[in-house]
């Protein structure tokens, strides 16, 4: 398959480098075309025996600003247009569309191949949820790195698995503050919260991510293993 928003190259060690670089945009965003291509890329990595793992990074100066919120407007327009004709079908369309990104990230998480996010700058909203779905994360050192789930500031809540993964990875109190206040984290704070595993200079991110994969990254998340318990007990 030919990709517009991504490129993929596999090295001699079987590590695929997936570079996200949307043409004509100053920043990568998640739209319907990105979702389609990411879905196909996960299948391509999972289905290729020669690929041992994958690194996801950005070809731009920053990682991603997150999801294009006009997608939600489009979903609602389609829902209202069809509701009068077939309310049940309209509701199903809205439900399936609103959870698709979450399903794609879950497919990545359970693909059987380890993915490492090499985050070279701003990582917001759905892009943070993409990074959390990966099996390891390495962040750029210094002020260039910013990670947040800021949806609450526009009256929304993270809808692609961020609420679930944060509370399985971070301290409960800090995790809740991160979610409910839409806090922005620098690299050190994100590492302290256990939302990233390591930091490195921006120019060395991909090399360090490859090194992580060669050393060994578990392709099965802790919460997909028998006996897993939330770090701080149940959160409701």
Protein backbone atom coordinates (compact mmCIF):
# COMPACT_ATOMS: atom_id res chain seq x y z
CA UNK A 1 0.00 0.00 0.00
CA UNK A 2 1.18 3.52 -0.80
CA UNK A 3 1.00 5.95 2.12
CA UNK A 4 0.50 9.72 1.92
CA UNK A 5 1.00 10.68 5.56
CA UNK A 6 3.57 8.06 6.55
CA UNK A 7 6.66 6.34 5.22
CA UNK A 8 8.03 3.00 6.41
CA UNK A 9 11.53 1.60 6.07
CA UNK A 10 12.85 -1.64 7.54
CA UNK A 11 16.53 -2.01 8.45
CA UNK A 12 18.76 -5.08 8.44
CA UNK A 13 17.75 -5.87 12.04
CA UNK A 14 14.09 -6.08 11.10
CA UNK A 15 13.16 -2.81 12.80
CA UNK A 16 10.62 -0.76 10.88
CA UNK A 17 10.89 3.02 11.07
CA UNK A 18 7.47 4.62 10.60
CA UNK A 19 7.81 8.35 9.94
CA UNK A 20 4.71 10.53 10.21
CA UNK A 21 5.01 13.57 7.95
CA UNK A 22 1.77 14.97 6.56
CA UNK A 23 2.29 16.89 3.30
CA UNK A 24 1.29 20.54 3.27
CA UNK A 25 0.91 20.80 7.04
CA UNK A 26 3.20 22.47 9.56
CA UNK A 27 2.15 19.91 12.21
CA UNK A 28 0.90 16.34 12.05
CA UNK A 29 -2.73 15.89 13.05
CA UNK A 30 -4.95 12.84 13.27
CA UNK A 31 -7.64 12.90 10.62
CA UNK A 32 -9.55 10.18 8.76
CA UNK A 33 -6.74 9.60 6.26
CA UNK A 34 -4.20 9.20 9.06
CA UNK A 35 -6.48 6.73 10.81
CA UNK A 36 -6.88 4.67 7.63
CA UNK A 37 -3.14 4.58 6.99
CA UNK A 38 -2.18 3.86 10.59
CA UNK A 39 -4.66 0.98 10.63
CA UNK A 40 -3.03 -0.45 7.51
CA UNK A 41 0.50 0.10 8.85
CA UNK A 42 -0.26 -1.87 12.00
CA UNK A 43 -1.49 -4.76 9.84
CA UNK A 44 1.63 -4.51 7.68
CA UNK A 45 3.99 -4.64 10.67
CA UNK A 46 2.07 -7.40 12.44
CA UNK A 47 1.80 -9.49 9.28
CA UNK A 48 5.45 -9.30 8.19
CA UNK A 49 7.62 -12.01 9.76
CA UNK A 50 10.76 -10.07 8.82
CA UNK A 51 9.75 -7.15 11.05
CA UNK A 52 10.72 -7.62 14.69
CA UNK A 53 9.45 -4.26 15.96
CA UNK A 54 8.67 -0.70 14.92
CA UNK A 55 9.59 2.87 15.82
CA UNK A 56 7.02 5.61 15.27
CA UNK A 57 8.38 9.13 14.95
CA UNK A 58 7.65 12.43 13.23
CA UNK A 59 9.33 13.87 10.18
CA UNK A 60 8.51 17.37 11.39
CA UNK A 61 10.03 19.45 14.18
CA UNK A 62 7.35 18.23 16.55
CA UNK A 63 5.41 15.00 16.98
CA UNK A 64 1.70 15.89 16.65
CA UNK A 65 -0.94 18.31 17.83
CA UNK A 66 -3.45 15.48 18.20
CA UNK A 67 -6.78 14.86 16.55
CA UNK A 68 -8.48 17.18 14.09
CA UNK A 69 -11.60 18.07 16.07
CA UNK A 70 -13.54 18.81 12.89
CA UNK A 71 -13.84 15.01 12.61
CA UNK A 72 -16.26 15.12 15.53
CA UNK A 73 -18.26 17.83 13.80
CA UNK A 74 -18.42 15.63 10.71
CA UNK A 75 -19.63 12.65 12.73
CA UNK A 76 -22.38 14.75 14.29
CA UNK A 77 -23.42 16.16 10.91
CA UNK A 78 -23.72 12.66 9.49
CA UNK A 79 -25.67 11.55 12.55
CA UNK A 80 -28.20 14.37 12.29
CA UNK A 81 -28.53 13.89 8.52
CA UNK A 82 -29.45 10.21 8.94
CA UNK A 83 -31.35 10.32 12.22
CA UNK A 84 -34.71 11.20 10.66
CA UNK A 85 -34.47 8.34 8.15
CA UNK A 86 -33.06 5.62 10.40
CA UNK A 87 -32.34 6.57 14.05
CA UNK A 88 -30.79 3.20 14.91
CA UNK A 89 -28.41 3.24 11.93
CA UNK A 90 -27.49 6.86 12.67
CA UNK A 91 -26.68 6.02 16.30
CA UNK A 92 -24.60 3.02 15.22
CA UNK A 93 -22.67 5.17 12.75
CA UNK A 94 -21.92 7.76 15.43
CA UNK A 95 -20.92 5.11 17.99
CA UNK A 96 -18.63 3.23 15.60
CA UNK A 97 -17.04 6.42 14.30
CA UNK A 98 -16.38 7.84 17.75
CA UNK A 99 -14.55 4.71 18.93
CA UNK A 100 -12.55 3.91 15.81
CA UNK A 101 -9.34 5.62 16.90
CA UNK A 102 -9.49 3.79 20.23
CA UNK A 103 -9.86 0.49 18.38
CA UNK A 104 -6.87 1.26 16.13
CA UNK A 105 -4.68 2.01 19.14
CA UNK A 106 -5.86 -1.15 20.85
CA UNK A 107 -4.99 -3.15 17.73
CA UNK A 108 -1.48 -1.65 17.83
CA UNK A 109 -1.21 -2.51 21.52
CA UNK A 110 -2.20 -6.15 20.96
CA UNK A 111 -0.50 -6.64 17.57
CA UNK A 112 2.14 -8.99 18.95
CA UNK A 113 4.96 -6.71 17.77
CA UNK A 114 6.64 -4.10 20.00
CA UNK A 115 6.17 -0.46 19.01
CA UNK A 116 8.30 2.37 20.43
CA UNK A 117 7.21 6.01 20.14
CA UNK A 118 10.16 8.37 19.54
CA UNK A 119 8.55 11.67 20.53
CA UNK A 120 10.56 14.59 19.18
CA UNK A 121 8.47 17.49 20.48
CA UNK A 122 4.91 18.54 21.20
CA UNK A 123 2.64 15.53 21.71
CA UNK A 124 -0.98 16.41 22.42
CA UNK A 125 -4.35 14.69 22.77
CA UNK A 126 -4.75 11.75 20.42
CA UNK A 127 -1.01 11.75 19.73
CA UNK A 128 -0.38 11.23 23.44
CA UNK A 129 -2.87 8.36 23.33
CA UNK A 130 -0.99 6.89 20.36
CA UNK A 131 2.27 7.11 22.32
CA UNK A 132 0.68 5.49 25.39
CA UNK A 133 -0.61 2.63 23.23
CA UNK A 134 2.97 1.91 22.13
CA UNK A 135 4.97 -0.52 24.22
CA UNK A 136 7.66 2.00 25.11
CA UNK A 137 8.21 5.73 24.76
CA UNK A 138 11.34 7.84 24.48
CA UNK A 139 11.08 11.64 24.67
CA UNK A 140 13.28 14.44 23.44
CA UNK A 141 15.27 16.15 26.18
CA UNK A 142 14.82 19.82 26.94
CA UNK A 143 12.07 22.36 26.40
CA UNK A 144 10.99 21.02 22.99
CA UNK A 145 9.01 18.18 24.57
CA UNK A 146 5.46 18.82 25.77
CA UNK A 147 2.92 16.09 26.49
CA UNK A 148 -0.72 16.61 27.45
CA UNK A 149 -4.27 15.39 27.18
CA UNK A 150 -5.78 18.89 26.99
CA UNK A 151 -9.25 17.89 25.80
CA UNK A 152 -10.85 18.89 29.11
CA UNK A 153 -9.98 22.51 28.32
CA UNK A 154 -12.36 22.46 25.35
CA UNK A 155 -15.11 20.56 27.17
CA UNK A 156 -14.14 17.09 26.00
CA UNK A 157 -12.48 14.07 27.57
CA UNK A 158 -9.76 11.85 26.06
CA UNK A 159 -11.59 9.32 23.93
CA UNK A 160 -8.93 7.00 22.49
CA UNK A 161 -7.81 5.08 25.56
CA UNK A 162 -5.89 7.79 27.40
CA UNK A 163 -8.09 7.63 30.49
CA UNK A 164 -7.48 3.89 30.79
CA UNK A 165 -3.77 3.76 30.09
CA UNK A 166 -2.78 6.74 32.24
CA UNK A 167 -4.45 5.22 35.29
CA UNK A 168 -2.71 1.90 34.67
CA UNK A 169 0.70 3.52 34.33
CA UNK A 170 0.83 6.50 36.68
CA UNK A 171 0.35 7.28 40.34
CA UNK A 172 -3.39 7.71 40.88
CA UNK A 173 -3.38 11.26 42.24
CA UNK A 174 -0.94 12.62 39.68
CA UNK A 175 -2.65 10.70 36.90
CA UNK A 176 -6.03 12.15 37.78
CA UNK A 177 -4.59 15.68 37.90
CA UNK A 178 -2.98 15.11 34.51
CA UNK A 179 -6.34 14.02 33.07
CA UNK A 180 -8.75 16.35 34.84
CA UNK A 181 -6.66 19.52 34.64
CA UNK A 182 -5.24 18.98 31.17
CA UNK A 183 -1.72 19.48 32.52
CA UNK A 184 1.22 19.81 30.15
CA UNK A 185 4.27 17.75 31.11
CA UNK A 186 7.89 18.29 30.18
CA UNK A 187 10.12 15.28 29.53
CA UNK A 188 11.30 14.88 33.13
CA UNK A 189 7.78 15.13 34.56
CA UNK A 190 6.42 12.69 32.00
CA UNK A 191 9.19 10.25 32.92
CA UNK A 192 8.50 10.76 36.62
CA UNK A 193 4.85 9.98 35.99
CA UNK A 194 5.97 6.83 34.11
CA UNK A 195 4.29 7.99 30.92
CA UNK A 196 7.64 7.89 29.11
CA UNK A 197 10.42 5.40 29.73
CA UNK A 198 13.51 7.36 28.73
CA UNK A 199 14.78 10.64 27.33
CA UNK A 200 17.46 11.41 24.76
CA UNK A 201 18.69 14.31 22.63
CA UNK A 202 16.26 14.89 19.76
CA UNK A 203 18.84 13.93 17.12
CA UNK A 204 19.46 10.58 18.82
CA UNK A 205 15.84 9.61 19.51
CA UNK A 206 15.41 7.13 16.68
CA UNK A 207 18.79 5.50 17.32
CA UNK A 208 17.96 5.13 21.01
CA UNK A 209 14.50 3.76 20.17
CA UNK A 210 16.10 1.16 17.90
CA UNK A 211 18.49 0.29 20.71
CA UNK A 212 15.53 -0.22 23.06
CA UNK A 213 13.97 -2.66 20.61
CA UNK A 214 17.23 -4.57 20.17
CA UNK A 215 17.61 -4.82 23.95
CA UNK A 216 14.07 -6.09 24.24
CA UNK A 217 10.67 -4.42 24.54
CA UNK A 218 7.80 -6.56 25.78
CA UNK A 219 5.02 -6.58 23.14
CA UNK A 220 2.45 -7.48 25.80
CA UNK A 221 1.33 -4.69 28.12
CA UNK A 222 1.21 -5.44 31.87
CA UNK A 223 -2.60 -5.10 31.89
CA UNK A 224 -2.89 -7.80 29.24
CA UNK A 225 -1.16 -10.29 31.50
CA UNK A 226 -2.95 -12.50 33.98
CA UNK A 227 -2.99 -11.15 37.52
CA UNK A 228 -2.49 -7.48 36.65
CA UNK A 229 -3.82 -5.04 39.25
CA UNK A 230 -4.09 -1.26 39.04
CA UNK A 231 -1.08 0.34 40.79
CA UNK A 232 -3.26 2.18 43.31
CA UNK A 233 -6.34 0.00 43.47
CA UNK A 234 -9.56 0.42 41.49
CA UNK A 235 -10.36 3.85 40.04
CA UNK A 236 -14.01 4.56 39.31
